[in-house]
N, C-alpha and C. Protein backbone atom coordinates (compact mmCIF):
# COMPACT_ATOMS: atom_id res chain seq x y z
N MET A 1 -46.86 9.49 4.17
CA MET A 1 -45.76 9.67 5.12
C MET A 1 -44.46 10.05 4.40
N LEU A 2 -44.19 9.35 3.28
CA LEU A 2 -42.98 9.66 2.51
C LEU A 2 -43.03 11.09 2.00
N ALA A 3 -44.21 11.52 1.53
CA ALA A 3 -44.34 12.88 1.01
C ALA A 3 -44.05 13.91 2.09
N LEU A 4 -44.57 13.69 3.30
CA LEU A 4 -44.31 14.62 4.39
C LEU A 4 -42.82 14.63 4.77
N GLY A 5 -42.19 13.46 4.66
CA GLY A 5 -40.76 13.39 4.94
C GLY A 5 -39.96 14.23 3.95
N ILE A 6 -40.34 14.15 2.68
CA ILE A 6 -39.66 14.95 1.65
C ILE A 6 -39.90 16.44 1.89
N VAL A 7 -41.14 16.78 2.26
CA VAL A 7 -41.47 18.17 2.58
C VAL A 7 -40.61 18.67 3.73
N ALA A 8 -40.48 17.85 4.79
CA ALA A 8 -39.72 18.25 5.97
C ALA A 8 -38.24 18.45 5.62
N LEU A 9 -37.67 17.54 4.87
CA LEU A 9 -36.26 17.64 4.49
C LEU A 9 -36.01 18.87 3.63
N THR A 10 -36.89 19.09 2.66
CA THR A 10 -36.74 20.26 1.79
C THR A 10 -36.86 21.55 2.59
N ALA A 11 -37.84 21.60 3.50
CA ALA A 11 -38.04 22.80 4.31
C ALA A 11 -36.86 23.05 5.23
N ALA A 12 -36.27 21.99 5.77
CA ALA A 12 -35.11 22.14 6.64
C ALA A 12 -33.93 22.76 5.89
N MET A 13 -33.67 22.25 4.71
CA MET A 13 -32.57 22.79 3.91
C MET A 13 -32.85 24.24 3.50
N LEU A 14 -34.09 24.51 3.12
CA LEU A 14 -34.46 25.86 2.73
C LEU A 14 -34.33 26.83 3.90
N GLY A 15 -34.81 26.42 5.08
CA GLY A 15 -34.73 27.29 6.24
C GLY A 15 -33.30 27.64 6.62
N SER A 16 -32.42 26.66 6.60
CA SER A 16 -31.02 26.90 6.93
C SER A 16 -30.35 27.79 5.89
N PHE A 17 -30.56 27.48 4.62
CA PHE A 17 -29.95 28.27 3.55
C PHE A 17 -30.47 29.70 3.56
N LEU A 18 -31.79 29.84 3.70
CA LEU A 18 -32.40 31.17 3.65
C LEU A 18 -31.92 32.04 4.80
N HIS A 19 -31.76 31.44 5.97
CA HIS A 19 -31.28 32.21 7.11
C HIS A 19 -29.90 32.78 6.85
N ARG A 20 -29.00 31.98 6.37
CA ARG A 20 -27.64 32.44 6.07
C ARG A 20 -27.64 33.45 4.92
N TRP A 21 -28.47 33.21 3.90
CA TRP A 21 -28.52 34.11 2.74
C TRP A 21 -29.06 35.48 3.14
N LEU A 22 -30.12 35.50 3.91
CA LEU A 22 -30.69 36.78 4.35
C LEU A 22 -29.70 37.57 5.18
N TRP A 23 -28.95 36.88 6.00
CA TRP A 23 -27.99 37.57 6.86
C TRP A 23 -26.89 38.25 6.05
N ARG A 24 -26.60 37.71 4.89
CA ARG A 24 -25.53 38.27 4.07
C ARG A 24 -26.02 39.36 3.12
N HIS A 25 -27.30 39.32 2.75
CA HIS A 25 -27.76 40.20 1.68
C HIS A 25 -28.84 41.20 2.08
N THR A 26 -29.35 41.12 3.29
CA THR A 26 -30.40 42.04 3.70
C THR A 26 -29.80 43.26 4.38
N PRO A 27 -30.16 44.48 3.95
CA PRO A 27 -29.71 45.67 4.65
C PRO A 27 -30.09 45.60 6.13
N LYS A 28 -29.24 46.13 6.98
CA LYS A 28 -29.37 46.11 8.44
C LYS A 28 -28.95 44.76 9.04
N LEU A 29 -28.81 43.74 8.20
CA LEU A 29 -28.32 42.46 8.69
C LEU A 29 -26.90 42.20 8.22
N ALA A 30 -26.58 42.71 7.04
CA ALA A 30 -25.28 42.42 6.43
C ALA A 30 -24.13 42.88 7.31
N GLY A 31 -24.33 43.96 8.09
CA GLY A 31 -23.26 44.46 8.94
C GLY A 31 -23.19 43.80 10.29
N ALA A 32 -24.17 42.98 10.61
CA ALA A 32 -24.19 42.31 11.91
C ALA A 32 -23.34 41.05 11.87
N PRO A 33 -22.85 40.60 13.03
CA PRO A 33 -22.05 39.37 13.05
C PRO A 33 -22.85 38.20 12.51
N MET A 34 -22.18 37.36 11.74
CA MET A 34 -22.85 36.20 11.17
C MET A 34 -23.25 35.24 12.28
N PRO A 35 -24.44 34.66 12.20
CA PRO A 35 -24.87 33.70 13.22
C PRO A 35 -24.06 32.42 13.16
N ALA A 36 -23.99 31.74 14.28
CA ALA A 36 -23.28 30.46 14.32
C ALA A 36 -24.03 29.42 13.50
N ILE A 37 -23.32 28.38 13.10
CA ILE A 37 -23.92 27.31 12.31
C ILE A 37 -25.10 26.68 13.05
N VAL A 38 -24.99 26.60 14.37
CA VAL A 38 -26.07 25.99 15.14
C VAL A 38 -27.38 26.78 15.00
N VAL A 39 -27.26 28.09 14.79
CA VAL A 39 -28.46 28.91 14.58
C VAL A 39 -29.08 28.58 13.23
N ASP A 40 -28.23 28.40 12.21
CA ASP A 40 -28.73 28.00 10.90
C ASP A 40 -29.46 26.66 10.98
N LEU A 41 -28.86 25.72 11.71
CA LEU A 41 -29.47 24.41 11.86
C LEU A 41 -30.79 24.50 12.61
N GLY A 42 -30.81 25.35 13.65
CA GLY A 42 -32.05 25.54 14.40
C GLY A 42 -33.15 26.13 13.54
N ALA A 43 -32.78 27.09 12.70
CA ALA A 43 -33.76 27.68 11.79
C ALA A 43 -34.28 26.64 10.81
N GLY A 44 -33.40 25.76 10.36
CA GLY A 44 -33.83 24.71 9.44
C GLY A 44 -34.78 23.72 10.09
N ILE A 45 -34.47 23.32 11.31
CA ILE A 45 -35.32 22.36 12.01
C ILE A 45 -36.69 22.98 12.30
N ALA A 46 -36.69 24.22 12.79
CA ALA A 46 -37.96 24.90 13.09
C ALA A 46 -38.80 25.06 11.82
N THR A 47 -38.15 25.39 10.72
CA THR A 47 -38.87 25.53 9.45
C THR A 47 -39.47 24.21 9.02
N ALA A 48 -38.70 23.14 9.16
CA ALA A 48 -39.19 21.81 8.78
C ALA A 48 -40.43 21.44 9.59
N VAL A 49 -40.38 21.68 10.89
CA VAL A 49 -41.51 21.33 11.77
C VAL A 49 -42.76 22.11 11.38
N LEU A 50 -42.61 23.43 11.20
CA LEU A 50 -43.77 24.27 10.92
C LEU A 50 -44.33 24.05 9.52
N VAL A 51 -43.47 23.90 8.53
CA VAL A 51 -43.95 23.67 7.17
C VAL A 51 -44.66 22.32 7.08
N THR A 52 -44.10 21.30 7.71
CA THR A 52 -44.75 19.99 7.71
C THR A 52 -46.11 20.07 8.39
N ALA A 53 -46.18 20.82 9.51
CA ALA A 53 -47.46 20.99 10.20
C ALA A 53 -48.45 21.77 9.33
N ALA A 54 -47.93 22.77 8.60
CA ALA A 54 -48.81 23.56 7.72
C ALA A 54 -49.40 22.70 6.62
N VAL A 55 -48.57 21.86 6.01
CA VAL A 55 -49.05 20.99 4.94
C VAL A 55 -50.03 19.97 5.49
N ALA A 56 -49.74 19.44 6.68
CA ALA A 56 -50.64 18.45 7.28
C ALA A 56 -51.98 19.07 7.67
N THR A 57 -51.94 20.36 8.07
CA THR A 57 -53.15 21.04 8.53
C THR A 57 -54.01 21.51 7.36
N GLU A 58 -53.39 22.17 6.38
CA GLU A 58 -54.13 22.77 5.28
C GLU A 58 -54.19 21.89 4.03
N ARG A 59 -53.45 20.81 4.04
CA ARG A 59 -53.39 19.92 2.88
C ARG A 59 -52.76 20.64 1.68
N ALA A 60 -52.90 20.02 0.51
CA ALA A 60 -52.34 20.63 -0.69
C ALA A 60 -53.23 21.78 -1.14
N GLY A 61 -52.71 22.56 -2.07
CA GLY A 61 -53.50 23.67 -2.59
C GLY A 61 -52.93 25.02 -2.19
N TRP A 62 -53.65 26.05 -2.56
CA TRP A 62 -53.16 27.41 -2.33
C TRP A 62 -53.09 27.75 -0.85
N SER A 63 -54.06 27.29 -0.07
CA SER A 63 -54.02 27.59 1.36
C SER A 63 -52.82 26.91 2.03
N GLY A 64 -52.53 25.68 1.62
CA GLY A 64 -51.35 25.01 2.15
C GLY A 64 -50.07 25.75 1.78
N LEU A 65 -50.01 26.26 0.55
CA LEU A 65 -48.86 27.04 0.12
C LEU A 65 -48.74 28.33 0.93
N ALA A 66 -49.89 28.97 1.15
CA ALA A 66 -49.89 30.23 1.91
C ALA A 66 -49.37 30.03 3.33
N TYR A 67 -49.83 28.99 3.99
CA TYR A 67 -49.41 28.76 5.37
C TYR A 67 -47.99 28.21 5.45
N SER A 68 -47.55 27.50 4.44
CA SER A 68 -46.16 27.07 4.38
C SER A 68 -45.25 28.30 4.25
N PHE A 69 -45.67 29.24 3.42
CA PHE A 69 -44.90 30.48 3.27
C PHE A 69 -44.84 31.23 4.60
N PHE A 70 -45.97 31.30 5.29
CA PHE A 70 -45.98 31.96 6.60
C PHE A 70 -45.03 31.27 7.57
N ALA A 71 -45.00 29.95 7.56
CA ALA A 71 -44.12 29.21 8.45
C ALA A 71 -42.65 29.56 8.20
N ILE A 72 -42.27 29.63 6.93
CA ILE A 72 -40.89 29.96 6.57
C ILE A 72 -40.55 31.37 7.03
N VAL A 73 -41.44 32.31 6.78
CA VAL A 73 -41.20 33.70 7.16
C VAL A 73 -41.16 33.85 8.67
N ALA A 74 -42.05 33.14 9.37
CA ALA A 74 -42.12 33.25 10.83
C ALA A 74 -40.80 32.88 11.49
N VAL A 75 -40.18 31.82 11.00
CA VAL A 75 -38.90 31.40 11.58
C VAL A 75 -37.83 32.45 11.34
N GLN A 76 -37.73 32.93 10.12
CA GLN A 76 -36.68 33.91 9.79
C GLN A 76 -36.85 35.20 10.59
N LEU A 77 -38.06 35.73 10.64
CA LEU A 77 -38.29 36.98 11.36
C LEU A 77 -38.09 36.81 12.86
N SER A 78 -38.45 35.66 13.39
CA SER A 78 -38.28 35.41 14.83
C SER A 78 -36.80 35.44 15.20
N VAL A 79 -35.97 34.77 14.41
CA VAL A 79 -34.54 34.73 14.71
C VAL A 79 -33.92 36.12 14.57
N ILE A 80 -34.30 36.83 13.52
CA ILE A 80 -33.75 38.17 13.30
C ILE A 80 -34.13 39.11 14.44
N ASP A 81 -35.41 39.10 14.80
CA ASP A 81 -35.86 40.01 15.86
C ASP A 81 -35.23 39.64 17.21
N TRP A 82 -35.11 38.37 17.48
CA TRP A 82 -34.53 37.95 18.76
C TRP A 82 -33.07 38.36 18.87
N ARG A 83 -32.33 38.26 17.77
CA ARG A 83 -30.90 38.56 17.82
C ARG A 83 -30.60 40.06 17.71
N LEU A 84 -31.38 40.77 16.87
CA LEU A 84 -31.04 42.16 16.59
C LEU A 84 -32.08 43.17 17.05
N ARG A 85 -33.21 42.70 17.56
CA ARG A 85 -34.27 43.60 18.01
C ARG A 85 -34.83 44.45 16.87
N ILE A 86 -34.91 43.89 15.68
CA ILE A 86 -35.49 44.64 14.56
C ILE A 86 -36.33 43.69 13.70
N LEU A 87 -37.34 44.26 13.07
CA LEU A 87 -38.14 43.56 12.07
C LEU A 87 -38.07 44.41 10.80
N PRO A 88 -37.10 44.12 9.93
CA PRO A 88 -36.85 44.98 8.77
C PRO A 88 -38.05 45.08 7.82
N ASN A 89 -38.38 46.32 7.45
CA ASN A 89 -39.48 46.54 6.50
C ASN A 89 -39.26 45.80 5.19
N ILE A 90 -38.00 45.68 4.79
CA ILE A 90 -37.69 45.06 3.52
C ILE A 90 -38.06 43.58 3.51
N LEU A 91 -38.23 43.00 4.70
CA LEU A 91 -38.69 41.61 4.80
C LEU A 91 -40.17 41.54 5.19
N VAL A 92 -40.58 42.38 6.13
CA VAL A 92 -41.95 42.30 6.65
C VAL A 92 -42.98 42.67 5.59
N LEU A 93 -42.78 43.80 4.93
CA LEU A 93 -43.80 44.29 3.99
C LEU A 93 -43.98 43.37 2.78
N PRO A 94 -42.90 42.94 2.10
CA PRO A 94 -43.11 42.00 0.99
C PRO A 94 -43.71 40.68 1.45
N SER A 95 -43.35 40.23 2.64
CA SER A 95 -43.92 38.99 3.16
C SER A 95 -45.43 39.11 3.33
N GLY A 96 -45.87 40.27 3.85
CA GLY A 96 -47.30 40.49 3.99
C GLY A 96 -48.01 40.52 2.65
N LEU A 97 -47.40 41.17 1.66
CA LEU A 97 -48.01 41.26 0.33
C LEU A 97 -48.10 39.89 -0.32
N ILE A 98 -47.03 39.12 -0.24
CA ILE A 98 -47.04 37.78 -0.83
C ILE A 98 -48.07 36.90 -0.14
N GLY A 99 -48.14 36.99 1.18
CA GLY A 99 -49.13 36.22 1.92
C GLY A 99 -50.54 36.57 1.50
N LEU A 100 -50.81 37.86 1.31
CA LEU A 100 -52.13 38.30 0.88
C LEU A 100 -52.46 37.74 -0.49
N VAL A 101 -51.51 37.78 -1.42
CA VAL A 101 -51.73 37.25 -2.77
C VAL A 101 -52.06 35.76 -2.71
N LEU A 102 -51.33 35.01 -1.88
CA LEU A 102 -51.57 33.58 -1.78
C LEU A 102 -52.94 33.27 -1.18
N LEU A 103 -53.37 34.07 -0.21
CA LEU A 103 -54.68 33.85 0.39
C LEU A 103 -55.81 34.26 -0.57
N VAL A 104 -55.56 35.29 -1.36
CA VAL A 104 -56.53 35.66 -2.41
C VAL A 104 -56.66 34.51 -3.41
N ALA A 105 -55.52 33.93 -3.78
CA ALA A 105 -55.55 32.78 -4.70
C ALA A 105 -56.31 31.62 -4.06
N SER A 106 -56.11 31.42 -2.76
CA SER A 106 -56.83 30.37 -2.06
C SER A 106 -58.33 30.63 -2.10
N ALA A 107 -58.72 31.88 -1.88
CA ALA A 107 -60.14 32.23 -1.93
C ALA A 107 -60.72 31.99 -3.32
N ALA A 108 -59.94 32.33 -4.35
CA ALA A 108 -60.43 32.22 -5.73
C ALA A 108 -60.54 30.77 -6.18
N PHE A 109 -59.53 29.96 -5.87
CA PHE A 109 -59.49 28.59 -6.39
C PHE A 109 -60.13 27.57 -5.46
N GLU A 110 -60.29 27.94 -4.19
CA GLU A 110 -60.88 27.00 -3.22
C GLU A 110 -62.21 27.52 -2.69
N ASP A 111 -62.72 28.58 -3.29
CA ASP A 111 -64.01 29.16 -2.92
C ASP A 111 -64.05 29.49 -1.42
N ARG A 112 -63.08 30.30 -0.99
CA ARG A 112 -63.00 30.68 0.43
C ARG A 112 -63.10 32.20 0.58
N TRP A 113 -64.02 32.79 -0.17
CA TRP A 113 -64.15 34.25 -0.15
C TRP A 113 -64.57 34.76 1.22
N ALA A 114 -65.45 34.03 1.90
CA ALA A 114 -65.86 34.45 3.24
C ALA A 114 -64.68 34.43 4.19
N ASP A 115 -63.80 33.43 4.04
CA ASP A 115 -62.61 33.37 4.87
C ASP A 115 -61.68 34.55 4.59
N LEU A 116 -61.59 34.94 3.32
CA LEU A 116 -60.73 36.06 2.96
C LEU A 116 -61.24 37.37 3.56
N VAL A 117 -62.55 37.60 3.48
CA VAL A 117 -63.12 38.82 4.06
C VAL A 117 -62.86 38.86 5.56
N ARG A 118 -63.04 37.72 6.22
CA ARG A 118 -62.77 37.64 7.66
C ARG A 118 -61.28 37.88 7.93
N ALA A 119 -60.42 37.36 7.06
CA ALA A 119 -58.98 37.53 7.24
C ALA A 119 -58.59 39.01 7.15
N LEU A 120 -59.13 39.70 6.17
CA LEU A 120 -58.82 41.13 6.02
C LEU A 120 -59.32 41.92 7.22
N THR A 121 -60.49 41.57 7.70
CA THR A 121 -61.03 42.24 8.87
C THR A 121 -60.16 41.96 10.10
N GLY A 122 -59.77 40.71 10.26
CA GLY A 122 -58.92 40.34 11.39
C GLY A 122 -57.57 41.02 11.34
N ALA A 123 -57.01 41.17 10.15
CA ALA A 123 -55.72 41.85 9.99
C ALA A 123 -55.82 43.30 10.46
N VAL A 124 -56.89 43.98 10.05
CA VAL A 124 -57.09 45.38 10.44
C VAL A 124 -57.28 45.48 11.96
N LEU A 125 -58.07 44.58 12.53
CA LEU A 125 -58.35 44.63 13.97
C LEU A 125 -57.09 44.41 14.80
N LEU A 126 -56.29 43.41 14.42
CA LEU A 126 -55.07 43.13 15.20
C LEU A 126 -54.04 44.24 14.99
N PHE A 127 -53.98 44.79 13.79
CA PHE A 127 -53.09 45.91 13.52
C PHE A 127 -53.45 47.10 14.40
N LEU A 128 -54.74 47.41 14.47
CA LEU A 128 -55.19 48.56 15.26
C LEU A 128 -54.94 48.33 16.75
N LEU A 129 -55.16 47.10 17.21
CA LEU A 129 -54.91 46.79 18.62
C LEU A 129 -53.45 47.04 18.98
N TYR A 130 -52.54 46.53 18.15
CA TYR A 130 -51.12 46.72 18.42
C TYR A 130 -50.70 48.17 18.24
N LEU A 131 -51.33 48.87 17.32
CA LEU A 131 -51.02 50.28 17.13
C LEU A 131 -51.36 51.08 18.38
N VAL A 132 -52.53 50.82 18.95
CA VAL A 132 -52.93 51.50 20.18
C VAL A 132 -51.94 51.17 21.30
N LEU A 133 -51.58 49.90 21.44
CA LEU A 133 -50.65 49.50 22.49
C LEU A 133 -49.28 50.14 22.29
N ALA A 134 -48.85 50.24 21.03
CA ALA A 134 -47.55 50.85 20.75
C ALA A 134 -47.55 52.34 21.06
N LEU A 135 -48.68 53.01 20.80
CA LEU A 135 -48.78 54.43 21.11
C LEU A 135 -48.84 54.67 22.61
N VAL A 136 -49.49 53.75 23.31
CA VAL A 136 -49.59 53.88 24.77
C VAL A 136 -48.26 53.55 25.44
N SER A 137 -47.57 52.54 24.93
CA SER A 137 -46.31 52.11 25.53
C SER A 137 -45.27 51.87 24.45
N PRO A 138 -44.70 52.95 23.89
CA PRO A 138 -43.76 52.81 22.77
C PRO A 138 -42.48 52.07 23.14
N LYS A 139 -42.17 51.97 24.44
CA LYS A 139 -40.95 51.26 24.84
C LYS A 139 -41.17 49.75 24.85
N SER A 140 -42.41 49.33 24.79
CA SER A 140 -42.71 47.90 24.83
C SER A 140 -42.93 47.31 23.44
N LEU A 141 -43.52 48.10 22.56
CA LEU A 141 -43.81 47.63 21.20
C LEU A 141 -43.34 48.66 20.19
N GLY A 142 -42.79 48.17 19.08
CA GLY A 142 -42.38 49.06 18.00
C GLY A 142 -43.31 48.94 16.82
N MET A 143 -43.10 49.80 15.82
CA MET A 143 -43.95 49.76 14.65
C MET A 143 -43.75 48.48 13.84
N GLY A 144 -42.58 47.88 13.98
CA GLY A 144 -42.38 46.59 13.32
C GLY A 144 -43.32 45.55 13.88
N ASP A 145 -43.53 45.57 15.20
CA ASP A 145 -44.48 44.65 15.82
C ASP A 145 -45.90 44.93 15.34
N VAL A 146 -46.22 46.20 15.16
CA VAL A 146 -47.57 46.58 14.72
C VAL A 146 -47.83 46.04 13.31
N LYS A 147 -46.88 46.24 12.42
CA LYS A 147 -47.05 45.74 11.04
C LYS A 147 -47.09 44.22 11.01
N LEU A 148 -46.25 43.60 11.82
CA LEU A 148 -46.25 42.14 11.88
C LEU A 148 -47.58 41.62 12.40
N ALA A 149 -48.17 42.31 13.37
CA ALA A 149 -49.46 41.89 13.92
C ALA A 149 -50.54 41.88 12.84
N GLY A 150 -50.50 42.84 11.93
CA GLY A 150 -51.46 42.85 10.84
C GLY A 150 -51.35 41.62 9.97
N ILE A 151 -50.11 41.22 9.67
CA ILE A 151 -49.89 40.03 8.85
C ILE A 151 -50.35 38.78 9.58
N VAL A 152 -50.00 38.69 10.85
CA VAL A 152 -50.41 37.53 11.65
C VAL A 152 -51.93 37.46 11.76
N GLY A 153 -52.56 38.61 11.94
CA GLY A 153 -54.02 38.64 12.02
C GLY A 153 -54.66 38.14 10.74
N LEU A 154 -54.03 38.41 9.61
CA LEU A 154 -54.54 37.94 8.32
C LEU A 154 -54.62 36.42 8.29
N TYR A 155 -53.52 35.77 8.68
CA TYR A 155 -53.47 34.31 8.64
C TYR A 155 -54.38 33.69 9.71
N LEU A 156 -54.37 34.25 10.89
CA LEU A 156 -55.19 33.70 11.97
C LEU A 156 -56.68 33.77 11.63
N ALA A 157 -57.12 34.94 11.20
CA ALA A 157 -58.54 35.13 10.93
C ALA A 157 -58.99 34.36 9.69
N PHE A 158 -58.09 34.04 8.78
CA PHE A 158 -58.47 33.22 7.63
C PHE A 158 -58.97 31.86 8.08
N GLN A 159 -58.44 31.38 9.19
CA GLN A 159 -58.89 30.11 9.74
C GLN A 159 -60.14 30.27 10.61
N GLY A 160 -60.36 31.47 11.16
CA GLY A 160 -61.56 31.65 11.97
C GLY A 160 -61.35 32.68 13.06
N TRP A 161 -62.46 33.20 13.61
CA TRP A 161 -62.37 34.19 14.68
C TRP A 161 -61.74 33.58 15.94
N THR A 162 -62.03 32.31 16.19
CA THR A 162 -61.45 31.66 17.37
C THR A 162 -59.93 31.60 17.25
N SER A 163 -59.46 31.30 16.06
CA SER A 163 -58.02 31.28 15.83
C SER A 163 -57.41 32.65 16.09
N LEU A 164 -58.08 33.70 15.65
CA LEU A 164 -57.57 35.05 15.84
C LEU A 164 -57.47 35.37 17.33
N LEU A 165 -58.52 35.09 18.06
CA LEU A 165 -58.53 35.40 19.49
C LEU A 165 -57.48 34.59 20.25
N LEU A 166 -57.44 33.29 19.98
CA LEU A 166 -56.47 32.45 20.66
C LEU A 166 -55.03 32.79 20.27
N GLY A 167 -54.82 33.06 18.99
CA GLY A 167 -53.47 33.39 18.52
C GLY A 167 -52.96 34.67 19.13
N ALA A 168 -53.82 35.68 19.18
CA ALA A 168 -53.41 36.96 19.78
C ALA A 168 -53.14 36.79 21.27
N ALA A 169 -54.03 36.09 21.96
CA ALA A 169 -53.87 35.89 23.40
C ALA A 169 -52.62 35.07 23.72
N THR A 170 -52.37 34.05 22.92
CA THR A 170 -51.20 33.21 23.14
C THR A 170 -49.91 33.99 22.92
N GLY A 171 -49.91 34.89 21.94
CA GLY A 171 -48.74 35.73 21.72
C GLY A 171 -48.43 36.61 22.92
N PHE A 172 -49.47 37.23 23.49
CA PHE A 172 -49.26 38.06 24.67
C PHE A 172 -48.78 37.21 25.86
N LEU A 173 -49.36 36.02 26.01
CA LEU A 173 -48.97 35.14 27.12
C LEU A 173 -47.51 34.72 27.00
N ILE A 174 -47.10 34.33 25.80
CA ILE A 174 -45.71 33.93 25.59
C ILE A 174 -44.77 35.10 25.85
N GLY A 175 -45.15 36.29 25.38
CA GLY A 175 -44.33 37.47 25.62
C GLY A 175 -44.16 37.74 27.11
N ALA A 176 -45.25 37.60 27.87
CA ALA A 176 -45.18 37.82 29.31
C ALA A 176 -44.27 36.79 29.98
N LEU A 177 -44.41 35.54 29.57
CA LEU A 177 -43.59 34.48 30.16
C LEU A 177 -42.11 34.68 29.86
N ILE A 178 -41.80 35.08 28.63
CA ILE A 178 -40.40 35.34 28.27
C ILE A 178 -39.85 36.49 29.09
N GLY A 179 -40.65 37.56 29.24
CA GLY A 179 -40.21 38.69 30.04
C GLY A 179 -39.92 38.31 31.48
N VAL A 180 -40.81 37.53 32.08
CA VAL A 180 -40.61 37.09 33.46
C VAL A 180 -39.37 36.21 33.57
N ALA A 181 -39.18 35.31 32.60
CA ALA A 181 -38.03 34.41 32.63
C ALA A 181 -36.72 35.18 32.52
N LEU A 182 -36.67 36.17 31.63
CA LEU A 182 -35.45 36.96 31.46
C LEU A 182 -35.16 37.80 32.69
N LEU A 183 -36.20 38.36 33.27
CA LEU A 183 -36.02 39.14 34.49
C LEU A 183 -35.54 38.26 35.64
N SER A 184 -36.13 37.08 35.75
CA SER A 184 -35.75 36.16 36.83
C SER A 184 -34.31 35.69 36.69
N ALA A 185 -33.90 35.49 35.44
CA ALA A 185 -32.53 35.05 35.18
C ALA A 185 -31.55 36.22 35.13
N ARG A 186 -32.05 37.42 35.35
CA ARG A 186 -31.23 38.64 35.31
C ARG A 186 -30.57 38.83 33.95
N ARG A 187 -31.26 38.38 32.91
CA ARG A 187 -30.78 38.61 31.55
C ARG A 187 -31.38 39.88 30.97
N ALA A 188 -32.29 40.48 31.70
CA ALA A 188 -32.91 41.73 31.28
C ALA A 188 -33.36 42.49 32.53
N GLY A 189 -33.48 43.82 32.37
CA GLY A 189 -33.94 44.66 33.45
C GLY A 189 -35.30 45.23 33.14
N PRO A 190 -35.88 45.97 34.09
CA PRO A 190 -37.22 46.55 33.88
C PRO A 190 -37.30 47.45 32.65
N LYS A 191 -36.18 48.07 32.26
CA LYS A 191 -36.19 48.98 31.13
C LYS A 191 -35.60 48.36 29.87
N SER A 192 -35.30 47.09 29.90
CA SER A 192 -34.70 46.42 28.74
C SER A 192 -35.72 46.26 27.61
N MET A 193 -35.22 46.35 26.39
CA MET A 193 -36.05 46.12 25.22
C MET A 193 -36.07 44.62 24.93
N ILE A 194 -37.20 44.00 25.12
CA ILE A 194 -37.35 42.57 24.84
C ILE A 194 -38.13 42.43 23.54
N PRO A 195 -37.56 41.76 22.55
CA PRO A 195 -38.25 41.65 21.25
C PRO A 195 -39.57 40.91 21.40
N PHE A 196 -40.62 41.46 20.79
CA PHE A 196 -41.94 40.87 20.91
C PHE A 196 -42.35 40.09 19.66
N GLY A 197 -41.62 40.31 18.57
CA GLY A 197 -41.93 39.60 17.33
C GLY A 197 -41.96 38.09 17.48
N PRO A 198 -40.94 37.48 18.12
CA PRO A 198 -40.97 36.03 18.29
C PRO A 198 -42.19 35.54 19.05
N SER A 199 -42.66 36.32 20.02
CA SER A 199 -43.84 35.93 20.79
C SER A 199 -45.09 35.97 19.91
N ILE A 200 -45.23 37.04 19.11
CA ILE A 200 -46.37 37.15 18.21
C ILE A 200 -46.42 35.97 17.25
N LEU A 201 -45.26 35.64 16.68
CA LEU A 201 -45.19 34.59 15.66
C LEU A 201 -45.34 33.20 16.28
N THR A 202 -44.75 32.99 17.46
CA THR A 202 -44.87 31.69 18.11
C THR A 202 -46.30 31.42 18.53
N GLY A 203 -46.96 32.45 19.08
CA GLY A 203 -48.36 32.29 19.45
C GLY A 203 -49.23 31.93 18.26
N ALA A 204 -48.98 32.61 17.14
CA ALA A 204 -49.75 32.31 15.93
C ALA A 204 -49.46 30.90 15.43
N ALA A 205 -48.18 30.52 15.43
CA ALA A 205 -47.81 29.19 14.93
C ALA A 205 -48.43 28.08 15.77
N LEU A 206 -48.46 28.25 17.08
CA LEU A 206 -49.06 27.24 17.95
C LEU A 206 -50.53 27.02 17.62
N VAL A 207 -51.23 28.12 17.40
CA VAL A 207 -52.66 28.02 17.10
C VAL A 207 -52.90 27.52 15.68
N LEU A 208 -52.15 28.06 14.74
CA LEU A 208 -52.37 27.70 13.33
C LEU A 208 -52.04 26.25 13.02
N PHE A 209 -50.92 25.77 13.57
CA PHE A 209 -50.41 24.48 13.13
C PHE A 209 -50.55 23.35 14.14
N LEU A 210 -50.56 23.67 15.43
CA LEU A 210 -50.60 22.61 16.43
C LEU A 210 -51.97 22.44 17.05
N MET A 211 -52.67 23.55 17.30
CA MET A 211 -53.97 23.47 17.95
C MET A 211 -55.11 23.38 16.95
N HIS A 212 -54.89 23.88 15.76
CA HIS A 212 -56.00 24.04 14.80
C HIS A 212 -56.71 22.73 14.48
N GLY A 213 -55.92 21.72 14.15
CA GLY A 213 -56.55 20.48 13.71
C GLY A 213 -57.33 19.77 14.80
N SER A 214 -56.87 19.84 16.07
CA SER A 214 -57.48 19.05 17.13
C SER A 214 -58.48 19.84 17.98
N VAL A 215 -58.33 21.17 18.03
CA VAL A 215 -59.13 21.96 18.95
C VAL A 215 -60.12 22.87 18.25
N LEU A 216 -59.69 23.50 17.18
CA LEU A 216 -60.49 24.58 16.61
C LEU A 216 -61.48 24.11 15.56
N ARG A 217 -61.44 22.88 15.18
CA ARG A 217 -62.41 22.39 14.19
C ARG A 217 -63.18 21.21 14.74
């Protein structure tokens, strides 16, 4: 319990600091208005919750490190996309590469090669699904969402095909609910661009960290 408390506190501080640091030093973010302190605190709390859940779900080791990294990235990208409607390549692409390296290390040191093969297959499948949807409806999904879907598919499928299916479905469901809520509150119109990245990441996080331990195994 004490160890998880230390993990949570460290993750909270890291999430808050990283959010403010990225906003000052990342191209396309540096010129945007700085977020309020409450947003930094929210990012820290969300990071603490997800990283603690990742450690509790995957335990110690390379897989735990990989999913903790995903949790940190998921919070940062969700906040950025929600506020600015962008998923910067300079953050998305390196995050995907680092995640892949960590999962390869997990496969090598924890003998999870079958999981890695499934993860790579799942990443390609979810990427292609979002690519088709983006080509059919470019006003609803951008290429940032497509690339992000590939990364999310990697992590989901590493845990299993059920995780991939549930994670993808949950992301679409959350996106639909957010769209309906914004339309109902008149915060968006039929032609408004509603960021989909937070929905993709939230759906994945729910399945990976909250549902995985009790439902999927």
